[in-house]
Amino acid sequence: MKKITLITLMMLAGFAVCMAALNPTGSWKGILTLNDGTPFPLTYKLKADGDKLTGIVETMNGELPITDGKIKGDSVTFNVTYNGAAVLNKGKCYPDSIGLNVTVGEDIYHVTAKKVTDQ
């Protein structure tokens, strides 16, 4: 009985650690590479509140507020408006990164944003 209880507690602790590690709150840095090869550095400053996601995306052209942000499990979706166009960001959270597909018009770019830990 003690062995089953210990195993159960270890599994629950491991699950709690994994869930905490997938929280997107914080700063994340990545580079979106345009079709012509131009790098476009991005910093995502995210805040999770239950299933809602808020924050900003910092670009070399200024800050873009996040709208319609949602969290479901390890998945995130949100929009930003850039040059008058809606830009959908959709991706998955990992312990040290977020993989995002960024849809700009008909083009889809992939960004891997790494967790900023030196704050």
PDB file of N, CA and C in Angstrom:
ATOM      1  N   MET A   1       0.820  -1.193   0.000  1.00  0.00           N
ATOM      2  CA  MET A   1       0.000   0.000   0.000  1.00  0.00           C
ATOM      3  C   MET A   1       0.869   1.264   0.000  1.00  0.00           C
ATOM      4  N   LYS A   2       1.953   1.258   0.785  1.00  0.00           N
ATOM      5  CA  LYS A   2       2.833   2.419   0.845  1.00  0.00           C
ATOM      6  C   LYS A   2       3.480   2.661  -0.512  1.00  0.00           C
ATOM      7  N   LYS A   3       3.813   1.567  -1.208  1.00  0.00           N
ATOM      8  CA  LYS A   3       4.448   1.692  -2.511  1.00  0.00           C
ATOM      9  C   LYS A   3       3.499   2.351  -3.515  1.00  0.00           C
ATOM     10  N   ILE A   4       2.236   1.957  -3.509  1.00  0.00           N
ATOM     11  CA  ILE A   4       1.241   2.540  -4.415  1.00  0.00           C
ATOM     12  C   ILE A   4       1.047   4.018  -4.092  1.00  0.00           C
ATOM     13  N   THR A   5       0.975   4.357  -2.816  1.00  0.00           N
ATOM     14  CA  THR A   5       0.809   5.751  -2.405  1.00  0.00           C
ATOM     15  C   THR A   5       2.015   6.579  -2.847  1.00  0.00           C
ATOM     16  N   LEU A   6       3.216   6.054  -2.652  1.00  0.00           N
ATOM     17  CA  LEU A   6       4.431   6.756  -3.046  1.00  0.00           C
ATOM     18  C   LEU A   6       4.477   6.973  -4.557  1.00  0.00           C
ATOM     19  N   ILE A   7       4.155   5.953  -5.325  1.00  0.00           N
ATOM     20  CA  ILE A   7       4.154   6.061  -6.785  1.00  0.00           C
ATOM     21  C   ILE A   7       3.124   7.094  -7.241  1.00  0.00           C
ATOM     22  N   THR A   8       1.947   7.071  -6.632  1.00  0.00           N
ATOM     23  CA  THR A   8       0.896   8.028  -6.972  1.00  0.00           C
ATOM     24  C   THR A   8       1.343   9.456  -6.682  1.00  0.00           C
ATOM     25  N   LEU A   9       1.949   9.665  -5.512  1.00  0.00           N
ATOM     26  CA  LEU A   9       2.431  10.999  -5.154  1.00  0.00           C
ATOM     27  C   LEU A   9       3.526  11.471  -6.107  1.00  0.00           C
ATOM     28  N   MET A  10       4.420  10.559  -6.494  1.00  0.00           N
ATOM     29  CA  MET A  10       5.485  10.919  -7.431  1.00  0.00           C
ATOM     30  C   MET A  10       4.907  11.304  -8.798  1.00  0.00           C
ATOM     31  N   MET A  11       3.904  10.563  -9.246  1.00  0.00           N
ATOM     32  CA  MET A  11       3.269  10.869 -10.524  1.00  0.00           C
ATOM     33  C   MET A  11       2.571  12.222 -10.473  1.00  0.00           C
ATOM     34  N   LEU A  12       1.875  12.503  -9.381  1.00  0.00           N
ATOM     35  CA  LEU A  12       1.199  13.784  -9.234  1.00  0.00           C
ATOM     36  C   LEU A  12       2.199  14.933  -9.181  1.00  0.00           C
ATOM     37  N   ALA A  13       3.295  14.745  -8.481  1.00  0.00           N
ATOM     38  CA  ALA A  13       4.334  15.778  -8.406  1.00  0.00           C
ATOM     39  C   ALA A  13       4.937  16.022  -9.785  1.00  0.00           C
ATOM     40  N   GLY A  14       5.197  14.954 -10.520  1.00  0.00           N
ATOM     41  CA  GLY A  14       5.736  15.086 -11.873  1.00  0.00           C
ATOM     42  C   GLY A  14       4.767  15.809 -12.788  1.00  0.00           C
ATOM     43  N   PHE A  15       3.485  15.495 -12.680  1.00  0.00           N
ATOM     44  CA  PHE A  15       2.465  16.171 -13.475  1.00  0.00           C
ATOM     45  C   PHE A  15       2.416  17.657 -13.130  1.00  0.00           C
ATOM     46  N   ALA A  16       2.470  17.980 -11.843  1.00  0.00           N
ATOM     47  CA  ALA A  16       2.434  19.387 -11.409  1.00  0.00           C
ATOM     48  C   ALA A  16       3.637  20.148 -11.949  1.00  0.00           C
ATOM     49  N   VAL A  17       4.813  19.544 -11.918  1.00  0.00           N
ATOM     50  CA  VAL A  17       6.013  20.192 -12.443  1.00  0.00           C
ATOM     51  C   VAL A  17       5.868  20.428 -13.936  1.00  0.00           C
ATOM     52  N   CYS A  18       5.369  19.444 -14.664  1.00  0.00           N
ATOM     53  CA  CYS A  18       5.186  19.597 -16.114  1.00  0.00           C
ATOM     54  C   CYS A  18       4.185  20.699 -16.426  1.00  0.00           C
ATOM     55  N   MET A  19       3.093  20.761 -15.715  1.00  0.00           N
ATOM     56  CA  MET A  19       2.091  21.781 -15.970  1.00  0.00           C
ATOM     57  C   MET A  19       2.633  23.165 -15.643  1.00  0.00           C
ATOM     58  N   ALA A  20       3.377  23.292 -14.574  1.00  0.00           N
ATOM     59  CA  ALA A  20       3.961  24.586 -14.220  1.00  0.00           C
ATOM     60  C   ALA A  20       4.968  25.009 -15.277  1.00  0.00           C
ATOM     61  N   ALA A  21       5.710  24.066 -15.807  1.00  0.00           N
ATOM     62  CA  ALA A  21       6.733  24.375 -16.804  1.00  0.00           C
ATOM     63  C   ALA A  21       6.113  24.843 -18.121  1.00  0.00           C
ATOM     64  N   LEU A  22       4.862  24.484 -18.400  1.00  0.00           N
ATOM     65  CA  LEU A  22       4.216  24.846 -19.646  1.00  0.00           C
ATOM     66  C   LEU A  22       3.442  26.156 -19.545  1.00  0.00           C
ATOM     67  N   ASN A  23       3.552  26.852 -18.437  1.00  0.00           N
ATOM     68  CA  ASN A  23       2.896  28.138 -18.276  1.00  0.00           C
ATOM     69  C   ASN A  23       3.609  29.153 -19.170  1.00  0.00           C
ATOM     70  N   PRO A  24       2.889  29.807 -20.102  1.00  0.00           N
ATOM     71  CA  PRO A  24       3.553  30.719 -21.023  1.00  0.00           C
ATOM     72  C   PRO A  24       3.897  32.090 -20.435  1.00  0.00           C
ATOM     73  N   THR A  25       3.540  32.353 -19.184  1.00  0.00           N
ATOM     74  CA  THR A  25       3.844  33.649 -18.589  1.00  0.00           C
ATOM     75  C   THR A  25       5.341  33.901 -18.590  1.00  0.00           C
ATOM     76  N   GLY A  26       5.729  35.095 -19.052  1.00  0.00           N
ATOM     77  CA  GLY A  26       7.139  35.468 -19.086  1.00  0.00           C
ATOM     78  C   GLY A  26       7.528  36.058 -20.423  1.00  0.00           C
ATOM     79  N   SER A  27       8.822  36.226 -20.610  1.00  0.00           N
ATOM     80  CA  SER A  27       9.365  36.774 -21.855  1.00  0.00           C
ATOM     81  C   SER A  27       9.987  35.665 -22.685  1.00  0.00           C
ATOM     82  N   TRP A  28       9.774  35.749 -23.994  1.00  0.00           N
ATOM     83  CA  TRP A  28      10.238  34.747 -24.946  1.00  0.00           C
ATOM     84  C   TRP A  28      10.812  35.471 -26.154  1.00  0.00           C
ATOM     85  N   LYS A  29      11.995  35.081 -26.605  1.00  0.00           N
ATOM     86  CA  LYS A  29      12.627  35.736 -27.758  1.00  0.00           C
ATOM     87  C   LYS A  29      12.784  34.761 -28.917  1.00  0.00           C
ATOM     88  N   GLY A  30      12.465  35.261 -30.107  1.00  0.00           N
ATOM     89  CA  GLY A  30      12.624  34.457 -31.306  1.00  0.00           C
ATOM     90  C   GLY A  30      12.848  35.335 -32.513  1.00  0.00           C
ATOM     91  N   ILE A  31      13.090  34.705 -33.646  1.00  0.00           N
ATOM     92  CA  ILE A  31      13.306  35.437 -34.894  1.00  0.00           C
ATOM     93  C   ILE A  31      12.403  34.843 -35.969  1.00  0.00           C
ATOM     94  N   LEU A  32      11.602  35.711 -36.569  1.00  0.00           N
ATOM     95  CA  LEU A  32      10.798  35.329 -37.718  1.00  0.00           C
ATOM     96  C   LEU A  32      11.631  35.683 -38.945  1.00  0.00           C
ATOM     97  N   THR A  33      11.857  34.708 -39.810  1.00  0.00           N
ATOM     98  CA  THR A  33      12.629  34.947 -41.022  1.00  0.00           C
ATOM     99  C   THR A  33      11.668  35.122 -42.188  1.00  0.00           C
ATOM    100  N   LEU A  34      11.713  36.300 -42.799  1.00  0.00           N
ATOM    101  CA  LEU A  34      10.833  36.592 -43.928  1.00  0.00           C
ATOM    102  C   LEU A  34      11.233  35.779 -45.154  1.00  0.00           C
ATOM    103  N   ASN A  35      10.353  35.741 -46.149  1.00  0.00           N
ATOM    104  CA  ASN A  35      10.607  34.943 -47.353  1.00  0.00           C
ATOM    105  C   ASN A  35      11.892  35.342 -48.073  1.00  0.00           C
ATOM    106  N   ASP A  36      12.283  36.606 -47.965  1.00  0.00           N
ATOM    107  CA  ASP A  36      13.508  37.057 -48.632  1.00  0.00           C
ATOM    108  C   ASP A  36      14.754  36.837 -47.772  1.00  0.00           C
ATOM    109  N   GLY A  37      14.571  36.187 -46.601  1.00  0.00           N
ATOM    110  CA  GLY A  37      15.697  35.885 -45.723  1.00  0.00           C
ATOM    111  C   GLY A  37      15.958  36.922 -44.643  1.00  0.00           C
ATOM    112  N   THR A  38      15.201  38.007 -44.645  1.00  0.00           N
ATOM    113  CA  THR A  38      15.381  39.055 -43.651  1.00  0.00           C
ATOM    114  C   THR A  38      14.927  38.570 -42.271  1.00  0.00           C
ATOM    115  N   PRO A  39      15.802  38.657 -41.264  1.00  0.00           N
ATOM    116  CA  PRO A  39      15.396  38.262 -39.910  1.00  0.00           C
ATOM    117  C   PRO A  39      14.566  39.378 -39.258  1.00  0.00           C
ATOM    118  N   PHE A  40      13.529  38.989 -38.535  1.00  0.00           N
ATOM    119  CA  PHE A  40      12.636  39.927 -37.863  1.00  0.00           C
ATOM    120  C   PHE A  40      12.560  39.510 -36.399  1.00  0.00           C
ATOM    121  N   PRO A  41      13.419  40.097 -35.534  1.00  0.00           N
ATOM    122  CA  PRO A  41      13.442  39.701 -34.122  1.00  0.00           C
ATOM    123  C   PRO A  41      12.125  40.045 -33.423  1.00  0.00           C
ATOM    124  N   LEU A  42      11.682  39.136 -32.565  1.00  0.00           N
ATOM    125  CA  LEU A  42      10.444  39.314 -31.806  1.00  0.00           C
ATOM    126  C   LEU A  42      10.686  38.966 -30.341  1.00  0.00           C
ATOM    127  N   THR A  43      10.068  39.721 -29.464  1.00  0.00           N
ATOM    128  CA  THR A  43      10.041  39.377 -28.044  1.00  0.00           C
ATOM    129  C   THR A  43       8.580  39.322 -27.628  1.00  0.00           C
ATOM    130  N   TYR A  44       8.169  38.167 -27.151  1.00  0.00           N
ATOM    131  CA  TYR A  44       6.808  37.973 -26.667  1.00  0.00           C
ATOM    132  C   TYR A  44       6.826  38.137 -25.153  1.00  0.00           C
ATOM    133  N   LYS A  45       6.012  39.050 -24.631  1.00  0.00           N
ATOM    134  CA  LYS A  45       5.862  39.226 -23.186  1.00  0.00           C
ATOM    135  C   LYS A  45       4.436  38.813 -22.861  1.00  0.00           C
ATOM    136  N   LEU A  46       4.318  37.602 -22.296  1.00  0.00           N
ATOM    137  CA  LEU A  46       3.025  36.958 -22.130  1.00  0.00           C
ATOM    138  C   LEU A  46       2.624  36.849 -20.669  1.00  0.00           C
ATOM    139  N   LYS A  47       1.296  36.870 -20.451  1.00  0.00           N
ATOM    140  CA  LYS A  47       0.748  36.654 -19.110  1.00  0.00           C
ATOM    141  C   LYS A  47      -0.469  35.749 -19.231  1.00  0.00           C
ATOM    142  N   ALA A  48      -0.388  34.614 -18.549  1.00  0.00           N
ATOM    143  CA  ALA A  48      -1.498  33.668 -18.533  1.00  0.00           C
ATOM    144  C   ALA A  48      -2.380  33.943 -17.327  1.00  0.00           C
ATOM    145  N   ASP A  49      -3.696  33.893 -17.548  1.00  0.00           N
ATOM    146  CA  ASP A  49      -4.675  34.037 -16.479  1.00  0.00           C
ATOM    147  C   ASP A  49      -5.779  33.020 -16.757  1.00  0.00           C
ATOM    148  N   GLY A  50      -5.607  31.825 -16.175  1.00  0.00           N
ATOM    149  CA  GLY A  50      -6.535  30.740 -16.486  1.00  0.00           C
ATOM    150  C   GLY A  50      -6.376  30.341 -17.938  1.00  0.00           C
ATOM    151  N   ASP A  51      -7.475  30.422 -18.710  1.00  0.00           N
ATOM    152  CA  ASP A  51      -7.403  30.063 -20.131  1.00  0.00           C
ATOM    153  C   ASP A  51      -7.234  31.285 -21.037  1.00  0.00           C
ATOM    154  N   LYS A  52      -6.982  32.456 -20.432  1.00  0.00           N
ATOM    155  CA  LYS A  52      -6.782  33.681 -21.199  1.00  0.00           C
ATOM    156  C   LYS A  52      -5.299  34.038 -21.267  1.00  0.00           C
ATOM    157  N   LEU A  53      -4.898  34.598 -22.398  1.00  0.00           N
ATOM    158  CA  LEU A  53      -3.515  35.011 -22.608  1.00  0.00           C
ATOM    159  C   LEU A  53      -3.513  36.474 -23.031  1.00  0.00           C
ATOM    160  N   THR A  54      -2.710  37.282 -22.344  1.00  0.00           N
ATOM    161  CA  THR A  54      -2.568  38.692 -22.683  1.00  0.00           C
ATOM    162  C   THR A  54      -1.089  39.009 -22.810  1.00  0.00           C
ATOM    163  N   GLY A  55      -0.791  40.228 -23.237  1.00  0.00           N
ATOM    164  CA  GLY A  55       0.595  40.658 -23.317  1.00  0.00           C
ATOM    165  C   GLY A  55       0.858  41.493 -24.543  1.00  0.00           C
ATOM    166  N   ILE A  56       2.138  41.548 -24.914  1.00  0.00           N
ATOM    167  CA  ILE A  56       2.564  42.321 -26.082  1.00  0.00           C
ATOM    168  C   ILE A  56       3.616  41.525 -26.857  1.00  0.00           C
ATOM    169  N   VAL A  57       3.775  41.913 -28.098  1.00  0.00           N
ATOM    170  CA  VAL A  57       4.871  41.411 -28.913  1.00  0.00           C
ATOM    171  C   VAL A  57       5.726  42.626 -29.258  1.00  0.00           C
ATOM    172  N   GLU A  58       6.990  42.603 -28.847  1.00  0.00           N
ATOM    173  CA  GLU A  58       7.909  43.685 -29.177  1.00  0.00           C
ATOM    174  C   GLU A  58       8.592  43.363 -30.497  1.00  0.00           C
ATOM    175  N   THR A  59       8.535  44.337 -31.419  1.00  0.00           N
ATOM    176  CA  THR A  59       9.193  44.200 -32.715  1.00  0.00           C
ATOM    177  C   THR A  59      10.156  45.378 -32.875  1.00  0.00           C
ATOM    178  N   MET A  60      10.952  45.355 -33.914  1.00  0.00           N
ATOM    179  CA  MET A  60      11.853  46.478 -34.157  1.00  0.00           C
ATOM    180  C   MET A  60      11.073  47.721 -34.576  1.00  0.00           C
ATOM    181  N   ASN A  61       9.779  47.569 -34.859  1.00  0.00           N
ATOM    182  CA  ASN A  61       8.925  48.703 -35.241  1.00  0.00           C
ATOM    183  C   ASN A  61       7.985  49.130 -34.120  1.00  0.00           C
ATOM    184  N   GLY A  62       8.134  48.556 -32.922  1.00  0.00           N
ATOM    185  CA  GLY A  62       7.283  48.936 -31.798  1.00  0.00           C
ATOM    186  C   GLY A  62       6.585  47.755 -31.158  1.00  0.00           C
ATOM    187  N   GLU A  63       5.724  48.076 -30.190  1.00  0.00           N
ATOM    188  CA  GLU A  63       4.992  47.048 -29.444  1.00  0.00           C
ATOM    189  C   GLU A  63       3.610  46.813 -30.059  1.00  0.00           C
ATOM    190  N   LEU A  64       3.225  45.543 -30.107  1.00  0.00           N
ATOM    191  CA  LEU A  64       1.921  45.154 -30.629  1.00  0.00           C
ATOM    192  C   LEU A  64       1.145  44.447 -29.521  1.00  0.00           C
ATOM    193  N   PRO A  65      -0.019  44.966 -29.126  1.00  0.00           N
ATOM    194  CA  PRO A  65      -0.796  44.294 -28.087  1.00  0.00           C
ATOM    195  C   PRO A  65      -1.405  42.987 -28.596  1.00  0.00           C
ATOM    196  N   ILE A  66      -1.444  42.011 -27.716  1.00  0.00           N
ATOM    197  CA  ILE A  66      -2.057  40.721 -28.027  1.00  0.00           C
ATOM    198  C   ILE A  66      -3.557  40.827 -27.781  1.00  0.00           C
ATOM    199  N   THR A  67      -4.339  40.307 -28.729  1.00  0.00           N
ATOM    200  CA  THR A  67      -5.792  40.255 -28.573  1.00  0.00           C
ATOM    201  C   THR A  67      -6.259  38.821 -28.776  1.00  0.00           C
ATOM    202  N   ASP A  68      -7.428  38.532 -28.248  1.00  0.00           N
ATOM    203  CA  ASP A  68      -8.063  37.214 -28.423  1.00  0.00           C
ATOM    204  C   ASP A  68      -7.160  36.069 -27.985  1.00  0.00           C
ATOM    205  N   GLY A  69      -6.343  36.265 -26.950  1.00  0.00           N
ATOM    206  CA  GLY A  69      -5.416  35.237 -26.499  1.00  0.00           C
ATOM    207  C   GLY A  69      -6.110  34.125 -25.735  1.00  0.00           C
ATOM    208  N   LYS A  70      -5.805  32.891 -26.106  1.00  0.00           N
ATOM    209  CA  LYS A  70      -6.405  31.717 -25.459  1.00  0.00           C
ATOM    210  C   LYS A  70      -5.343  30.660 -25.189  1.00  0.00           C
ATOM    211  N   ILE A  71      -5.552  29.933 -24.092  1.00  0.00           N
ATOM    212  CA  ILE A  71      -4.685  28.819 -23.726  1.00  0.00           C
ATOM    213  C   ILE A  71      -5.569  27.590 -23.574  1.00  0.00           C
ATOM    214  N   LYS A  72      -5.145  26.504 -24.171  1.00  0.00           N
ATOM    215  CA  LYS A  72      -5.853  25.230 -24.003  1.00  0.00           C
ATOM    216  C   LYS A  72      -4.796  24.141 -23.895  1.00  0.00           C
ATOM    217  N   GLY A  73      -4.596  23.656 -22.661  1.00  0.00           N
ATOM    218  CA  GLY A  73      -3.545  22.672 -22.428  1.00  0.00           C
ATOM    219  C   GLY A  73      -2.194  23.301 -22.693  1.00  0.00           C
ATOM    220  N   ASP A  74      -1.429  22.730 -23.629  1.00  0.00           N
ATOM    221  CA  ASP A  74      -0.120  23.297 -23.964  1.00  0.00           C
ATOM    222  C   ASP A  74      -0.163  24.130 -25.247  1.00  0.00           C
ATOM    223  N   SER A  75      -1.372  24.427 -25.732  1.00  0.00           N
ATOM    224  CA  SER A  75      -1.538  25.211 -26.958  1.00  0.00           C
ATOM    225  C   SER A  75      -1.935  26.651 -26.650  1.00  0.00           C
ATOM    226  N   VAL A  76      -1.432  27.572 -27.468  1.00  0.00           N
ATOM    227  CA  VAL A  76      -1.790  28.982 -27.348  1.00  0.00           C
ATOM    228  C   VAL A  76      -2.203  29.519 -28.717  1.00  0.00           C
ATOM    229  N   THR A  77      -3.138  30.453 -28.697  1.00  0.00           N
ATOM    230  CA  THR A  77      -3.502  31.184 -29.908  1.00  0.00           C
ATOM    231  C   THR A  77      -3.732  32.641 -29.511  1.00  0.00           C
ATOM    232  N   PHE A  78      -3.336  33.546 -30.382  1.00  0.00           N
ATOM    233  CA  PHE A  78      -3.605  34.962 -30.165  1.00  0.00           C
ATOM    234  C   PHE A  78      -3.402  35.712 -31.471  1.00  0.00           C
ATOM    235  N   ASN A  79      -3.911  36.932 -31.496  1.00  0.00           N
ATOM    236  CA  ASN A  79      -3.771  37.801 -32.653  1.00  0.00           C
ATOM    237  C   ASN A  79      -2.994  39.056 -32.268  1.00  0.00           C
ATOM    238  N   VAL A  80      -2.325  39.624 -33.234  1.00  0.00           N
ATOM    239  CA  VAL A  80      -1.782  40.979 -33.147  1.00  0.00           C
ATOM    240  C   VAL A  80      -2.138  41.661 -34.463  1.00  0.00           C
ATOM    241  N   THR A  81      -2.143  42.984 -34.456  1.00  0.00           N
ATOM    242  CA  THR A  81      -2.384  43.731 -35.685  1.00  0.00           C
ATOM    243  C   THR A  81      -1.084  44.412 -36.067  1.00  0.00           C
ATOM    244  N   TYR A  82      -0.617  44.159 -37.288  1.00  0.00           N
ATOM    245  CA  TYR A  82       0.629  44.736 -37.779  1.00  0.00           C
ATOM    246  C   TYR A  82       0.368  45.388 -39.129  1.00  0.00           C
ATOM    247  N   ASN A  83       0.670  46.660 -39.244  1.00  0.00           N
ATOM    248  CA  ASN A  83       0.426  47.421 -40.479  1.00  0.00           C
ATOM    249  C   ASN A  83      -1.017  47.278 -40.956  1.00  0.00           C
ATOM    250  N   GLY A  84      -1.956  47.266 -40.014  1.00  0.00           N
ATOM    251  CA  GLY A  84      -3.373  47.187 -40.336  1.00  0.00           C
ATOM    252  C   GLY A  84      -3.886  45.794 -40.651  1.00  0.00           C
ATOM    253  N   ALA A  85      -3.014  44.798 -40.616  1.00  0.00           N
ATOM    254  CA  ALA A  85      -3.426  43.425 -40.948  1.00  0.00           C
ATOM    255  C   ALA A  85      -3.428  42.557 -39.689  1.00  0.00           C
ATOM    256  N   ALA A  86      -4.424  41.691 -39.590  1.00  0.00           N
ATOM    257  CA  ALA A  86      -4.485  40.740 -38.478  1.00  0.00           C
ATOM    258  C   ALA A  86      -3.436  39.656 -38.688  1.00  0.00           C
ATOM    259  N   VAL A  87      -2.701  39.364 -37.634  1.00  0.00           N
ATOM    260  CA  VAL A  87      -1.661  38.334 -37.688  1.00  0.00           C
ATOM    261  C   VAL A  87      -1.989  37.290 -36.632  1.00  0.00           C
ATOM    262  N   LEU A  88      -2.324  36.078 -37.085  1.00  0.00           N
ATOM    263  CA  LEU A  88      -2.655  34.980 -36.180  1.00  0.00           C
ATOM    264  C   LEU A  88      -1.380  34.272 -35.744  1.00  0.00           C
ATOM    265  N   ASN A  89      -1.248  34.073 -34.440  1.00  0.00           N
ATOM    266  CA  ASN A  89      -0.143  33.300 -33.862  1.00  0.00           C
ATOM    267  C   ASN A  89      -0.760  32.080 -33.199  1.00  0.00           C
ATOM    268  N   LYS A  90      -0.289  30.910 -33.569  1.00  0.00           N
ATOM    269  CA  LYS A  90      -0.857  29.669 -33.057  1.00  0.00           C
ATOM    270  C   LYS A  90       0.292  28.707 -32.793  1.00  0.00           C
ATOM    271  N   GLY A  91       0.336  28.156 -31.567  1.00  0.00           N
ATOM    272  CA  GLY A  91       1.465  27.281 -31.296  1.00  0.00           C
ATOM    273  C   GLY A  91       1.335  26.438 -30.056  1.00  0.00           C
ATOM    274  N   LYS A  92       2.487  25.897 -29.662  1.00  0.00           N
ATOM    275  CA  LYS A  92       2.559  24.955 -28.561  1.00  0.00           C
ATOM    276  C   LYS A  92       3.668  25.378 -27.604  1.00  0.00           C
ATOM    277  N   CYS A  93       3.367  25.254 -26.309  1.00  0.00           N
ATOM    278  CA  CYS A  93       4.334  25.587 -25.259  1.00  0.00           C
ATOM    279  C   CYS A  93       5.149  24.365 -24.867  1.00  0.00           C
ATOM    280  N   TYR A  94       6.424  24.585 -24.653  1.00  0.00           N
ATOM    281  CA  TYR A  94       7.346  23.584 -24.141  1.00  0.00           C
ATOM    282  C   TYR A  94       8.018  24.194 -22.906  1.00  0.00           C
ATOM    283  N   PRO A  95       8.702  23.413 -22.106  1.00  0.00           N
ATOM    284  CA  PRO A  95       9.308  23.977 -20.891  1.00  0.00           C
ATOM    285  C   PRO A  95      10.251  25.151 -21.139  1.00  0.00           C
ATOM    286  N   ASP A  96      11.010  25.142 -22.253  1.00  0.00           N
ATOM    287  CA  ASP A  96      11.980  26.216 -22.484  1.00  0.00           C
ATOM    288  C   ASP A  96      11.751  26.988 -23.774  1.00  0.00           C
ATOM    289  N   SER A  97      10.626  26.721 -24.458  1.00  0.00           N
ATOM    290  CA  SER A  97      10.356  27.410 -25.716  1.00  0.00           C
ATOM    291  C   SER A  97       8.870  27.358 -26.063  1.00  0.00           C
ATOM    292  N   ILE A  98       8.513  28.202 -27.012  1.00  0.00           N
ATOM    293  CA  ILE A  98       7.168  28.171 -27.584  1.00  0.00           C
ATOM    294  C   ILE A  98       7.354  28.120 -29.098  1.00  0.00           C
ATOM    295  N   GLY A  99       6.762  27.132 -29.733  1.00  0.00           N
ATOM    296  CA  GLY A  99       6.782  27.030 -31.189  1.00  0.00           C
ATOM    297  C   GLY A  99       5.514  27.650 -31.733  1.00  0.00           C
ATOM    298  N   LEU A 100       5.650  28.657 -32.601  1.00  0.00           N
ATOM    299  CA  LEU A 100       4.495  29.377 -33.136  1.00  0.00           C
ATOM    300  C   LEU A 100       4.484  29.356 -34.652  1.00  0.00           C
ATOM    301  N   ASN A 101       3.301  29.158 -35.209  1.00  0.00           N
ATOM    302  CA  ASN A 101       3.073  29.401 -36.621  1.00  0.00           C
ATOM    303  C   ASN A 101       2.395  30.761 -36.707  1.00  0.00           C
ATOM    304  N   VAL A 102       3.016  31.668 -37.434  1.00  0.00           N
ATOM    305  CA  VAL A 102       2.554  33.048 -37.544  1.00  0.00           C
ATOM    306  C   VAL A 102       2.009  33.237 -38.955  1.00  0.00           C
ATOM    307  N   THR A 103       0.708  33.523 -39.050  1.00  0.00           N
ATOM    308  CA  THR A 103       0.045  33.661 -40.349  1.00  0.00           C
ATOM    309  C   THR A 103      -0.097  35.141 -40.705  1.00  0.00           C
ATOM    310  N   VAL A 104       0.577  35.532 -41.779  1.00  0.00           N
ATOM    311  CA  VAL A 104       0.523  36.905 -42.278  1.00  0.00           C
ATOM    312  C   VAL A 104      -0.028  36.823 -43.701  1.00  0.00           C
ATOM    313  N   GLY A 105      -1.281  37.223 -43.869  1.00  0.00           N
ATOM    314  CA  GLY A 105      -1.928  37.073 -45.184  1.00  0.00           C
ATOM    315  C   GLY A 105      -2.001  35.599 -45.539  1.00  0.00           C
ATOM    316  N   GLU A 106      -1.424  35.226 -46.671  1.00  0.00           N
ATOM    317  CA  GLU A 106      -1.417  33.826 -47.093  1.00  0.00           C
ATOM    318  C   GLU A 106      -0.138  33.102 -46.700  1.00  0.00           C
ATOM    319  N   ASP A 107       0.807  33.843 -46.114  1.00  0.00           N
ATOM    320  CA  ASP A 107       2.086  33.251 -45.723  1.00  0.00           C
ATOM    321  C   ASP A 107       2.054  32.777 -44.273  1.00  0.00           C
ATOM    322  N   ILE A 108       2.688  31.640 -44.031  1.00  0.00           N
ATOM    323  CA  ILE A 108       2.824  31.109 -42.671  1.00  0.00           C
ATOM    324  C   ILE A 108       4.311  30.973 -42.370  1.00  0.00           C
ATOM    325  N   TYR A 109       4.721  31.591 -41.268  1.00  0.00           N
ATOM    326  CA  TYR A 109       6.114  31.548 -40.825  1.00  0.00           C
ATOM    327  C   TYR A 109       6.175  30.794 -39.509  1.00  0.00           C
ATOM    328  N   HIS A 110       7.280  30.112 -39.266  1.00  0.00           N
ATOM    329  CA  HIS A 110       7.462  29.426 -37.986  1.00  0.00           C
ATOM    330  C   HIS A 110       8.488  30.185 -37.148  1.00  0.00           C
ATOM    331  N   VAL A 111       8.141  30.367 -35.885  1.00  0.00           N
ATOM    332  CA  VAL A 111       9.037  31.021 -34.931  1.00  0.00           C
ATOM    333  C   VAL A 111       9.189  30.108 -33.729  1.00  0.00           C
ATOM    334  N   THR A 112      10.419  29.858 -33.329  1.00  0.00           N
ATOM    335  CA  THR A 112      10.677  29.189 -32.063  1.00  0.00           C
ATOM    336  C   THR A 112      11.208  30.247 -31.108  1.00  0.00           C
ATOM    337  N   ALA A 113      10.399  30.574 -30.111  1.00  0.00           N
ATOM    338  CA  ALA A 113      10.779  31.597 -29.133  1.00  0.00           C
ATOM    339  C   ALA A 113      11.297  30.904 -27.881  1.00  0.00           C
ATOM    340  N   LYS A 114      12.491  31.302 -27.465  1.00  0.00           N
ATOM    341  CA  LYS A 114      13.130  30.714 -26.283  1.00  0.00           C
ATOM    342  C   LYS A 114      12.826  31.536 -25.046  1.00  0.00           C
ATOM    343  N   LYS A 115      12.631  30.865 -23.927  1.00  0.00           N
ATOM    344  CA  LYS A 115      12.352  31.513 -22.652  1.00  0.00           C
ATOM    345  C   LYS A 115      13.529  32.392 -22.259  1.00  0.00           C
ATOM    346  N   VAL A 116      13.246  33.634 -21.862  1.00  0.00           N
ATOM    347  CA  VAL A 116      14.275  34.552 -21.382  1.00  0.00           C
ATOM    348  C   VAL A 116      14.400  34.322 -19.885  1.00  0.00           C
ATOM    349  N   THR A 117      15.582  33.918 -19.465  1.00  0.00           N
ATOM    350  CA  THR A 117      15.777  33.568 -18.047  1.00  0.00           C
ATOM    351  C   THR A 117      16.658  34.549 -17.298  1.00  0.00           C
ATOM    352  N   ASP A 118      17.270  35.519 -17.977  1.00  0.00           N
ATOM    353  CA  ASP A 118      18.189  36.440 -17.322  1.00  0.00           C
ATOM    354  C   ASP A 118      17.541  37.773 -16.963  1.00  0.00           C
ATOM    355  N   GLN A 119      16.394  37.719 -16.313  1.00  0.00           N
ATOM    356  CA  GLN A 119      15.703  38.965 -15.949  1.00  0.00           C
ATOM    357  C   GLN A 119      15.881  39.262 -14.495  1.00  0.00           C
TER     358      GLN A 119
END
